[in-house]
PDB file of N, CA and C in Angstrom:
ATOM      1  N   UNK A   1     -24.148   0.465 -60.515  1.00  0.00           N
ATOM      2  CA  UNK A   1     -24.647   0.772 -58.780  1.00  0.00           C
ATOM      3  C   UNK A   1     -23.924  -0.422 -58.024  1.00  0.00           C
ATOM      4  N   UNK A   2     -23.195   0.381 -57.106  1.00  0.00           N
ATOM      5  CA  UNK A   2     -22.405  -0.421 -55.857  1.00  0.00           C
ATOM      6  C   UNK A   2     -23.436  -1.084 -54.625  1.00  0.00           C
ATOM      7  N   UNK A   3     -23.186  -2.475 -54.216  1.00  0.00           N
ATOM      8  CA  UNK A   3     -24.093  -2.570 -53.211  1.00  0.00           C
ATOM      9  C   UNK A   3     -22.987  -2.997 -52.088  1.00  0.00           C
ATOM     10  N   UNK A   4     -23.572  -2.625 -50.543  1.00  0.00           N
ATOM     11  CA  UNK A   4     -22.588  -2.736 -49.316  1.00  0.00           C
ATOM     12  C   UNK A   4     -22.377  -0.988 -49.070  1.00  0.00           C
ATOM     13  N   UNK A   5     -21.307  -1.692 -48.543  1.00  0.00           N
ATOM     14  CA  UNK A   5     -20.805   0.143 -47.758  1.00  0.00           C
ATOM     15  C   UNK A   5     -19.687   0.687 -48.814  1.00  0.00           C
ATOM     16  N   UNK A   6     -19.803   1.867 -48.896  1.00  0.00           N
ATOM     17  CA  UNK A   6     -18.669   2.441 -49.959  1.00  0.00           C
ATOM     18  C   UNK A   6     -17.466   2.552 -49.236  1.00  0.00           C
ATOM     19  N   UNK A   7     -16.297   2.744 -49.885  1.00  0.00           N
ATOM     20  CA  UNK A   7     -15.136   2.951 -49.762  1.00  0.00           C
ATOM     21  C   UNK A   7     -14.743   3.837 -48.539  1.00  0.00           C
ATOM     22  N   UNK A   8     -15.625   4.952 -48.535  1.00  0.00           N
ATOM     23  CA  UNK A   8     -15.113   5.805 -47.529  1.00  0.00           C
ATOM     24  C   UNK A   8     -15.680   5.364 -46.099  1.00  0.00           C
ATOM     25  N   UNK A   9     -17.001   4.987 -46.411  1.00  0.00           N
ATOM     26  CA  UNK A   9     -17.319   4.350 -44.759  1.00  0.00           C
ATOM     27  C   UNK A   9     -16.395   3.115 -44.485  1.00  0.00           C
ATOM     28  N   UNK A  10     -15.953   2.645 -45.170  1.00  0.00           N
ATOM     29  CA  UNK A  10     -15.020   1.181 -44.917  1.00  0.00           C
ATOM     30  C   UNK A  10     -13.731   1.719 -44.478  1.00  0.00           C
ATOM     31  N   UNK A  11     -13.435   2.836 -44.995  1.00  0.00           N
ATOM     32  CA  UNK A  11     -12.040   3.348 -44.441  1.00  0.00           C
ATOM     33  C   UNK A  11     -12.233   4.516 -43.181  1.00  0.00           C
ATOM     34  N   UNK A  12     -13.476   4.744 -42.954  1.00  0.00           N
ATOM     35  CA  UNK A  12     -13.942   5.639 -41.876  1.00  0.00           C
ATOM     36  C   UNK A  12     -14.211   4.640 -40.622  1.00  0.00           C
ATOM     37  N   UNK A  13     -14.421   3.481 -40.984  1.00  0.00           N
ATOM     38  CA  UNK A  13     -14.377   2.290 -39.919  1.00  0.00           C
ATOM     39  C   UNK A  13     -13.431   1.675 -39.400  1.00  0.00           C
ATOM     40  N   UNK A  14     -12.110   1.652 -40.344  1.00  0.00           N
ATOM     41  CA  UNK A  14     -10.999   1.222 -40.241  1.00  0.00           C
ATOM     42  C   UNK A  14     -10.176   2.253 -39.511  1.00  0.00           C
ATOM     43  N   UNK A  15     -10.331   3.389 -39.640  1.00  0.00           N
ATOM     44  CA  UNK A  15      -9.799   4.625 -38.916  1.00  0.00           C
ATOM     45  C   UNK A  15     -10.115   4.770 -37.619  1.00  0.00           C
ATOM     46  N   UNK A  16     -11.611   4.370 -37.302  1.00  0.00           N
ATOM     47  CA  UNK A  16     -12.192   4.420 -35.820  1.00  0.00           C
ATOM     48  C   UNK A  16     -11.522   3.448 -35.377  1.00  0.00           C
ATOM     49  N   UNK A  17     -11.578   2.363 -35.513  1.00  0.00           N
ATOM     50  CA  UNK A  17     -10.947   0.620 -35.040  1.00  0.00           C
ATOM     51  C   UNK A  17      -9.592   1.150 -34.532  1.00  0.00           C
ATOM     52  N   UNK A  18      -8.594   1.838 -35.546  1.00  0.00           N
ATOM     53  CA  UNK A  18      -7.384   2.114 -35.141  1.00  0.00           C
ATOM     54  C   UNK A  18      -7.006   3.183 -33.787  1.00  0.00           C
ATOM     55  N   UNK A  19      -8.274   4.099 -33.972  1.00  0.00           N
ATOM     56  CA  UNK A  19      -8.353   5.147 -32.950  1.00  0.00           C
ATOM     57  C   UNK A  19      -8.777   4.627 -31.838  1.00  0.00           C
ATOM     58  N   UNK A  20      -9.435   3.108 -31.840  1.00  0.00           N
ATOM     59  CA  UNK A  20      -9.777   2.569 -30.706  1.00  0.00           C
ATOM     60  C   UNK A  20      -8.952   1.791 -29.826  1.00  0.00           C
ATOM     61  N   UNK A  21      -7.941   0.994 -30.775  1.00  0.00           N
ATOM     62  CA  UNK A  21      -6.681   0.212 -30.386  1.00  0.00           C
ATOM     63  C   UNK A  21      -5.928   1.051 -29.903  1.00  0.00           C
ATOM     64  N   UNK A  22      -5.380   2.280 -30.361  1.00  0.00           N
ATOM     65  CA  UNK A  22      -4.524   3.246 -29.837  1.00  0.00           C
ATOM     66  C   UNK A  22      -4.885   3.459 -28.478  1.00  0.00           C
ATOM     67  N   UNK A  23      -6.134   3.962 -28.321  1.00  0.00           N
ATOM     68  CA  UNK A  23      -6.809   3.999 -26.966  1.00  0.00           C
ATOM     69  C   UNK A  23      -6.638   2.882 -25.968  1.00  0.00           C
ATOM     70  N   UNK A  24      -6.853   2.074 -26.247  1.00  0.00           N
ATOM     71  CA  UNK A  24      -6.922   0.831 -25.721  1.00  0.00           C
ATOM     72  C   UNK A  24      -5.222   0.817 -25.296  1.00  0.00           C
ATOM     73  N   UNK A  25      -4.599   0.778 -26.119  1.00  0.00           N
ATOM     74  CA  UNK A  25      -2.785   0.514 -25.985  1.00  0.00           C
ATOM     75  C   UNK A  25      -2.771   1.536 -24.880  1.00  0.00           C
ATOM     76  N   UNK A  26      -3.028   2.930 -25.123  1.00  0.00           N
ATOM     77  CA  UNK A  26      -2.811   3.798 -24.423  1.00  0.00           C
ATOM     78  C   UNK A  26      -3.561   3.909 -22.692  1.00  0.00           C
ATOM     79  N   UNK A  27      -4.420   3.490 -22.684  1.00  0.00           N
ATOM     80  CA  UNK A  27      -5.202   2.766 -21.546  1.00  0.00           C
ATOM     81  C   UNK A  27      -4.282   2.132 -20.728  1.00  0.00           C
ATOM     82  N   UNK A  28      -4.151   1.041 -21.635  1.00  0.00           N
ATOM     83  CA  UNK A  28      -3.405  -0.141 -20.941  1.00  0.00           C
ATOM     84  C   UNK A  28      -1.969   0.264 -20.253  1.00  0.00           C
ATOM     85  N   UNK A  29      -1.519   1.294 -20.782  1.00  0.00           N
ATOM     86  CA  UNK A  29       0.062   1.802 -20.456  1.00  0.00           C
ATOM     87  C   UNK A  29      -0.416   2.577 -18.907  1.00  0.00           C
ATOM     88  N   UNK A  30      -1.458   3.188 -19.171  1.00  0.00           N
ATOM     89  CA  UNK A  30      -1.877   4.247 -17.895  1.00  0.00           C
ATOM     90  C   UNK A  30      -2.063   3.296 -16.701  1.00  0.00           C
ATOM     91  N   UNK A  31      -2.811   1.872 -17.149  1.00  0.00           N
ATOM     92  CA  UNK A  31      -3.121   1.212 -15.966  1.00  0.00           C
ATOM     93  C   UNK A  31      -2.121   0.537 -15.871  1.00  0.00           C
ATOM     94  N   UNK A  32      -1.032   0.246 -16.251  1.00  0.00           N
ATOM     95  CA  UNK A  32       0.106  -0.354 -15.924  1.00  0.00           C
ATOM     96  C   UNK A  32       0.703   0.461 -14.721  1.00  0.00           C
ATOM     97  N   UNK A  33       0.929   1.525 -15.339  1.00  0.00           N
ATOM     98  CA  UNK A  33       1.316   2.929 -14.788  1.00  0.00           C
ATOM     99  C   UNK A  33       1.014   2.779 -13.372  1.00  0.00           C
ATOM    100  N   UNK A  34      -0.484   3.236 -13.206  1.00  0.00           N
ATOM    101  CA  UNK A  34      -1.125   3.119 -12.146  1.00  0.00           C
ATOM    102  C   UNK A  34      -0.923   1.756 -11.309  1.00  0.00           C
ATOM    103  N   UNK A  35      -1.276   0.447 -11.799  1.00  0.00           N
ATOM    104  CA  UNK A  35      -1.143  -0.535 -10.936  1.00  0.00           C
ATOM    105  C   UNK A  35       0.347  -0.356 -10.518  1.00  0.00           C
ATOM    106  N   UNK A  36       1.799  -0.143 -10.800  1.00  0.00           N
ATOM    107  CA  UNK A  36       3.216  -0.411 -10.542  1.00  0.00           C
ATOM    108  C   UNK A  36       2.971   0.898  -9.184  1.00  0.00           C
ATOM    109  N   UNK A  37       2.266   2.059  -9.258  1.00  0.00           N
ATOM    110  CA  UNK A  37       2.553   3.005  -8.500  1.00  0.00           C
ATOM    111  C   UNK A  37       1.810   2.531  -7.281  1.00  0.00           C
ATOM    112  N   UNK A  38       0.326   1.962  -7.339  1.00  0.00           N
ATOM    113  CA  UNK A  38      -0.316   1.193  -6.182  1.00  0.00           C
ATOM    114  C   UNK A  38       0.315   0.107  -5.809  1.00  0.00           C
ATOM    115  N   UNK A  39       1.282  -0.728  -6.382  1.00  0.00           N
ATOM    116  CA  UNK A  39       2.227  -1.876  -5.613  1.00  0.00           C
ATOM    117  C   UNK A  39       3.082  -1.188  -4.812  1.00  0.00           C
ATOM    118  N   UNK A  40       3.837   0.070  -5.269  1.00  0.00           N
ATOM    119  CA  UNK A  40       4.938   0.541  -4.518  1.00  0.00           C
ATOM    120  C   UNK A  40       4.009   1.097  -3.452  1.00  0.00           C
ATOM    121  N   UNK A  41       3.291   1.810  -3.117  1.00  0.00           N
ATOM    122  CA  UNK A  41       2.186   2.556  -1.970  1.00  0.00           C
ATOM    123  C   UNK A  41       2.009   1.390  -1.332  1.00  0.00           C
ATOM    124  N   UNK A  42       1.342  -0.059  -1.640  1.00  0.00           N
ATOM    125  CA  UNK A  42       1.256  -0.833  -0.765  1.00  0.00           C
ATOM    126  C   UNK A  42       2.665  -1.434  -0.110  1.00  0.00           C
ATOM    127  N   UNK A  43       3.609  -1.518  -0.748  1.00  0.00           N
ATOM    128  CA  UNK A  43       4.547  -2.138  -0.164  1.00  0.00           C
ATOM    129  C   UNK A  43       4.760  -1.088   1.094  1.00  0.00           C
ATOM    130  N   UNK A  44       4.840  -0.231   0.920  1.00  0.00           N
ATOM    131  CA  UNK A  44       5.015   0.826   2.104  1.00  0.00           C
ATOM    132  C   UNK A  44       4.054   1.653   3.053  1.00  0.00           C
ATOM    133  N   UNK A  45       2.948   0.875   2.783  1.00  0.00           N
ATOM    134  CA  UNK A  45       1.617   0.745   3.706  1.00  0.00           C
ATOM    135  C   UNK A  45       1.924  -0.215   4.937  1.00  0.00           C
ATOM    136  N   UNK A  46       1.531   0.486   6.204  1.00  0.00           N
ATOM    137  CA  UNK A  46       1.398  -0.660   7.296  1.00  0.00           C
ATOM    138  C   UNK A  46      -0.059  -1.069   7.324  1.00  0.00           C
ATOM    139  N   UNK A  47      -0.444  -2.591   7.881  1.00  0.00           N
ATOM    140  CA  UNK A  47      -1.394  -2.922   7.973  1.00  0.00           C
ATOM    141  C   UNK A  47      -2.034  -2.891   9.178  1.00  0.00           C
ATOM    142  N   UNK A  48      -3.283  -3.202   9.120  1.00  0.00           N
ATOM    143  CA  UNK A  48      -3.752  -2.798  10.326  1.00  0.00           C
ATOM    144  C   UNK A  48      -3.376  -4.001  11.719  1.00  0.00           C
ATOM    145  N   UNK A  49      -3.319  -4.791  11.257  1.00  0.00           N
ATOM    146  CA  UNK A  49      -2.721  -6.064  11.907  1.00  0.00           C
ATOM    147  C   UNK A  49      -1.325  -5.791  12.435  1.00  0.00           C
ATOM    148  N   UNK A  50      -0.536  -4.935  11.838  1.00  0.00           N
ATOM    149  CA  UNK A  50       0.758  -4.727  12.159  1.00  0.00           C
ATOM    150  C   UNK A  50       0.748  -3.626  13.068  1.00  0.00           C
ATOM    151  N   UNK A  51       0.010  -2.630  12.753  1.00  0.00           N
ATOM    152  CA  UNK A  51      -0.230  -1.689  14.090  1.00  0.00           C
ATOM    153  C   UNK A  51      -0.714  -2.173  15.322  1.00  0.00           C
ATOM    154  N   UNK A  52      -1.584  -2.996  15.395  1.00  0.00           N
ATOM    155  CA  UNK A  52      -1.917  -3.877  16.529  1.00  0.00           C
ATOM    156  C   UNK A  52      -0.920  -4.658  17.032  1.00  0.00           C
ATOM    157  N   UNK A  53       0.179  -5.230  16.378  1.00  0.00           N
ATOM    158  CA  UNK A  53       1.115  -6.074  16.795  1.00  0.00           C
ATOM    159  C   UNK A  53       1.972  -5.175  17.512  1.00  0.00           C
ATOM    160  N   UNK A  54       2.419  -3.673  16.779  1.00  0.00           N
ATOM    161  CA  UNK A  54       2.938  -2.905  17.594  1.00  0.00           C
ATOM    162  C   UNK A  54       2.421  -2.061  18.797  1.00  0.00           C
ATOM    163  N   UNK A  55       1.202  -1.909  18.660  1.00  0.00           N
ATOM    164  CA  UNK A  55       0.772  -1.447  20.012  1.00  0.00           C
ATOM    165  C   UNK A  55       0.743  -2.266  21.183  1.00  0.00           C
ATOM    166  N   UNK A  56       0.930  -3.813  20.702  1.00  0.00           N
ATOM    167  CA  UNK A  56       1.132  -4.742  22.189  1.00  0.00           C
ATOM    168  C   UNK A  56       2.623  -4.862  22.565  1.00  0.00           C
ATOM    169  N   UNK A  57       3.275  -5.017  21.409  1.00  0.00           N
ATOM    170  CA  UNK A  57       4.983  -4.706  22.234  1.00  0.00           C
ATOM    171  C   UNK A  57       4.943  -3.091  22.493  1.00  0.00           C
ATOM    172  N   UNK A  58       4.475  -2.612  22.391  1.00  0.00           N
ATOM    173  CA  UNK A  58       4.589  -1.179  23.010  1.00  0.00           C
ATOM    174  C   UNK A  58       4.240  -1.125  24.406  1.00  0.00           C
ATOM    175  N   UNK A  59       3.004  -1.714  24.579  1.00  0.00           N
ATOM    176  CA  UNK A  59       2.570  -1.767  25.890  1.00  0.00           C
ATOM    177  C   UNK A  59       3.349  -2.894  26.846  1.00  0.00           C
ATOM    178  N   UNK A  60       3.815  -3.446  26.065  1.00  0.00           N
ATOM    179  CA  UNK A  60       4.439  -4.508  26.720  1.00  0.00           C
ATOM    180  C   UNK A  60       5.987  -4.122  27.389  1.00  0.00           C
ATOM    181  N   UNK A  61       6.362  -3.307  26.613  1.00  0.00           N
ATOM    182  CA  UNK A  61       7.505  -2.330  26.880  1.00  0.00           C
ATOM    183  C   UNK A  61       7.553  -1.386  27.584  1.00  0.00           C
ATOM    184  N   UNK A  62       6.327  -0.494  27.625  1.00  0.00           N
ATOM    185  CA  UNK A  62       5.922   0.082  28.901  1.00  0.00           C
ATOM    186  C   UNK A  62       5.724  -0.610  30.266  1.00  0.00           C
ATOM    187  N   UNK A  63       5.102  -1.940  30.146  1.00  0.00           N
ATOM    188  CA  UNK A  63       4.937  -2.565  31.172  1.00  0.00           C
ATOM    189  C   UNK A  63       6.416  -2.612  31.858  1.00  0.00           C
ATOM    190  N   UNK A  64       7.475  -2.882  30.780  1.00  0.00           N
ATOM    191  CA  UNK A  64       8.686  -3.535  31.710  1.00  0.00           C
ATOM    192  C   UNK A  64       9.245  -2.476  32.147  1.00  0.00           C
ATOM    193  N   UNK A  65       8.951  -1.152  31.519  1.00  0.00           N
ATOM    194  CA  UNK A  65       9.401   0.194  32.216  1.00  0.00           C
ATOM    195  C   UNK A  65       8.880   0.693  33.745  1.00  0.00           C
ATOM    196  N   UNK A  66       7.696   0.213  33.728  1.00  0.00           N
ATOM    197  CA  UNK A  66       7.026   0.646  34.908  1.00  0.00           C
ATOM    198  C   UNK A  66       7.568  -0.098  36.086  1.00  0.00           C
ATOM    199  N   UNK A  67       7.917  -1.302  35.635  1.00  0.00           N
ATOM    200  CA  UNK A  67       8.588  -2.481  36.449  1.00  0.00           C
ATOM    201  C   UNK A  67       9.656  -2.044  37.191  1.00  0.00           C
ATOM    202  N   UNK A  68      10.270  -1.822  36.196  1.00  0.00           N
ATOM    203  CA  UNK A  68      11.894  -0.919  36.552  1.00  0.00           C
ATOM    204  C   UNK A  68      11.618   0.034  37.475  1.00  0.00           C
ATOM    205  N   UNK A  69      10.836   1.230  36.901  1.00  0.00           N
ATOM    206  CA  UNK A  69      10.601   2.106  37.835  1.00  0.00           C
ATOM    207  C   UNK A  69      10.452   1.771  39.372  1.00  0.00           C
ATOM    208  N   UNK A  70       9.585   1.049  39.549  1.00  0.00           N
ATOM    209  CA  UNK A  70       9.269   0.464  40.927  1.00  0.00           C
ATOM    210  C   UNK A  70      10.217   0.252  41.349  1.00  0.00           C
ATOM    211  N   UNK A  71      11.155  -0.858  40.945  1.00  0.00           N
ATOM    212  CA  UNK A  71      12.209  -1.294  41.604  1.00  0.00           C
ATOM    213  C   UNK A  71      13.365  -0.244  41.960  1.00  0.00           C
ATOM    214  N   UNK A  72      13.368   0.562  41.136  1.00  0.00           N
ATOM    215  CA  UNK A  72      14.361   1.998  41.829  1.00  0.00           C
ATOM    216  C   UNK A  72      13.916   2.469  42.956  1.00  0.00           C
ATOM    217  N   UNK A  73      14.918   2.855  43.835  1.00  0.00           N
ATOM    218  CA  UNK A  73      14.623   3.744  45.224  1.00  0.00           C
ATOM    219  C   UNK A  73      15.121   5.250  44.740  1.00  0.00           C
ATOM    220  N   UNK A  74      15.010   6.008  45.736  1.00  0.00           N
ATOM    221  CA  UNK A  74      15.122   7.561  45.454  1.00  0.00           C
ATOM    222  C   UNK A  74      16.994   7.571  44.639  1.00  0.00           C
ATOM    223  N   UNK A  75      17.353   7.355  45.408  1.00  0.00           N
ATOM    224  CA  UNK A  75      18.754   7.558  45.288  1.00  0.00           C
ATOM    225  C   UNK A  75      19.768   6.334  45.166  1.00  0.00           C
ATOM    226  N   UNK A  76      19.017   5.054  45.201  1.00  0.00           N
ATOM    227  CA  UNK A  76      19.681   3.537  45.439  1.00  0.00           C
ATOM    228  C   UNK A  76      19.777   3.090  44.225  1.00  0.00           C
ATOM    229  N   UNK A  77      19.501   3.021  43.021  1.00  0.00           N
ATOM    230  CA  UNK A  77      19.610   2.645  42.357  1.00  0.00           C
ATOM    231  C   UNK A  77      18.328   1.603  42.187  1.00  0.00           C
ATOM    232  N   UNK A  78      19.011   0.154  41.188  1.00  0.00           N
ATOM    233  CA  UNK A  78      18.001  -0.994  41.217  1.00  0.00           C
ATOM    234  C   UNK A  78      18.214  -1.734  42.642  1.00  0.00           C
ATOM    235  N   UNK A  79      16.681  -1.662  43.843  1.00  0.00           N
ATOM    236  CA  UNK A  79      16.893  -2.257  44.738  1.00  0.00           C
ATOM    237  C   UNK A  79      16.671  -3.953  44.524  1.00  0.00           C
ATOM    238  N   UNK A  80      17.531  -4.478  45.794  1.00  0.00           N
ATOM    239  CA  UNK A  80      17.727  -5.777  45.619  1.00  0.00           C
ATOM    240  C   UNK A  80      16.273  -6.790  45.605  1.00  0.00           C
ATOM    241  N   UNK A  81      16.317  -7.896  44.542  1.00  0.00           N
ATOM    242  CA  UNK A  81      15.285  -8.821  45.154  1.00  0.00           C
ATOM    243  C   UNK A  81      15.133  -9.214  46.328  1.00  0.00           C
ATOM    244  N   UNK A  82      16.333  -9.405  46.859  1.00  0.00           N
ATOM    245  CA  UNK A  82      16.140 -10.299  48.702  1.00  0.00           C
ATOM    246  C   UNK A  82      15.461  -8.957  49.144  1.00  0.00           C
ATOM    247  N   UNK A  83      15.306  -7.679  49.375  1.00  0.00           N
ATOM    248  CA  UNK A  83      14.944  -6.894  49.906  1.00  0.00           C
ATOM    249  C   UNK A  83      13.328  -6.799  49.548  1.00  0.00           C
ATOM    250  N   UNK A  84      12.681  -7.332  48.650  1.00  0.00           N
ATOM    251  CA  UNK A  84      11.423  -7.466  48.455  1.00  0.00           C
ATOM    252  C   UNK A  84      10.809  -8.426  49.047  1.00  0.00           C
TER     253      UNK A  84
END
């Protein structure tokens, strides 16, 4: 009579361990692929602070355009500073 696990149970346990290891390696590969995809996406995404800076810059440019328009006469082009 043998004590302990039977060889079939030990083999089954070993095969189960191999299956788990293969699944882990496979998942790590998938995780690496997802991580790389995420890295690429993050590089291409604009942040809120960047949007706010762009909005501020656009507003400043709009103000500059409005000032230039205010200095233009109907057909005179830019009014001279001395006339103001």
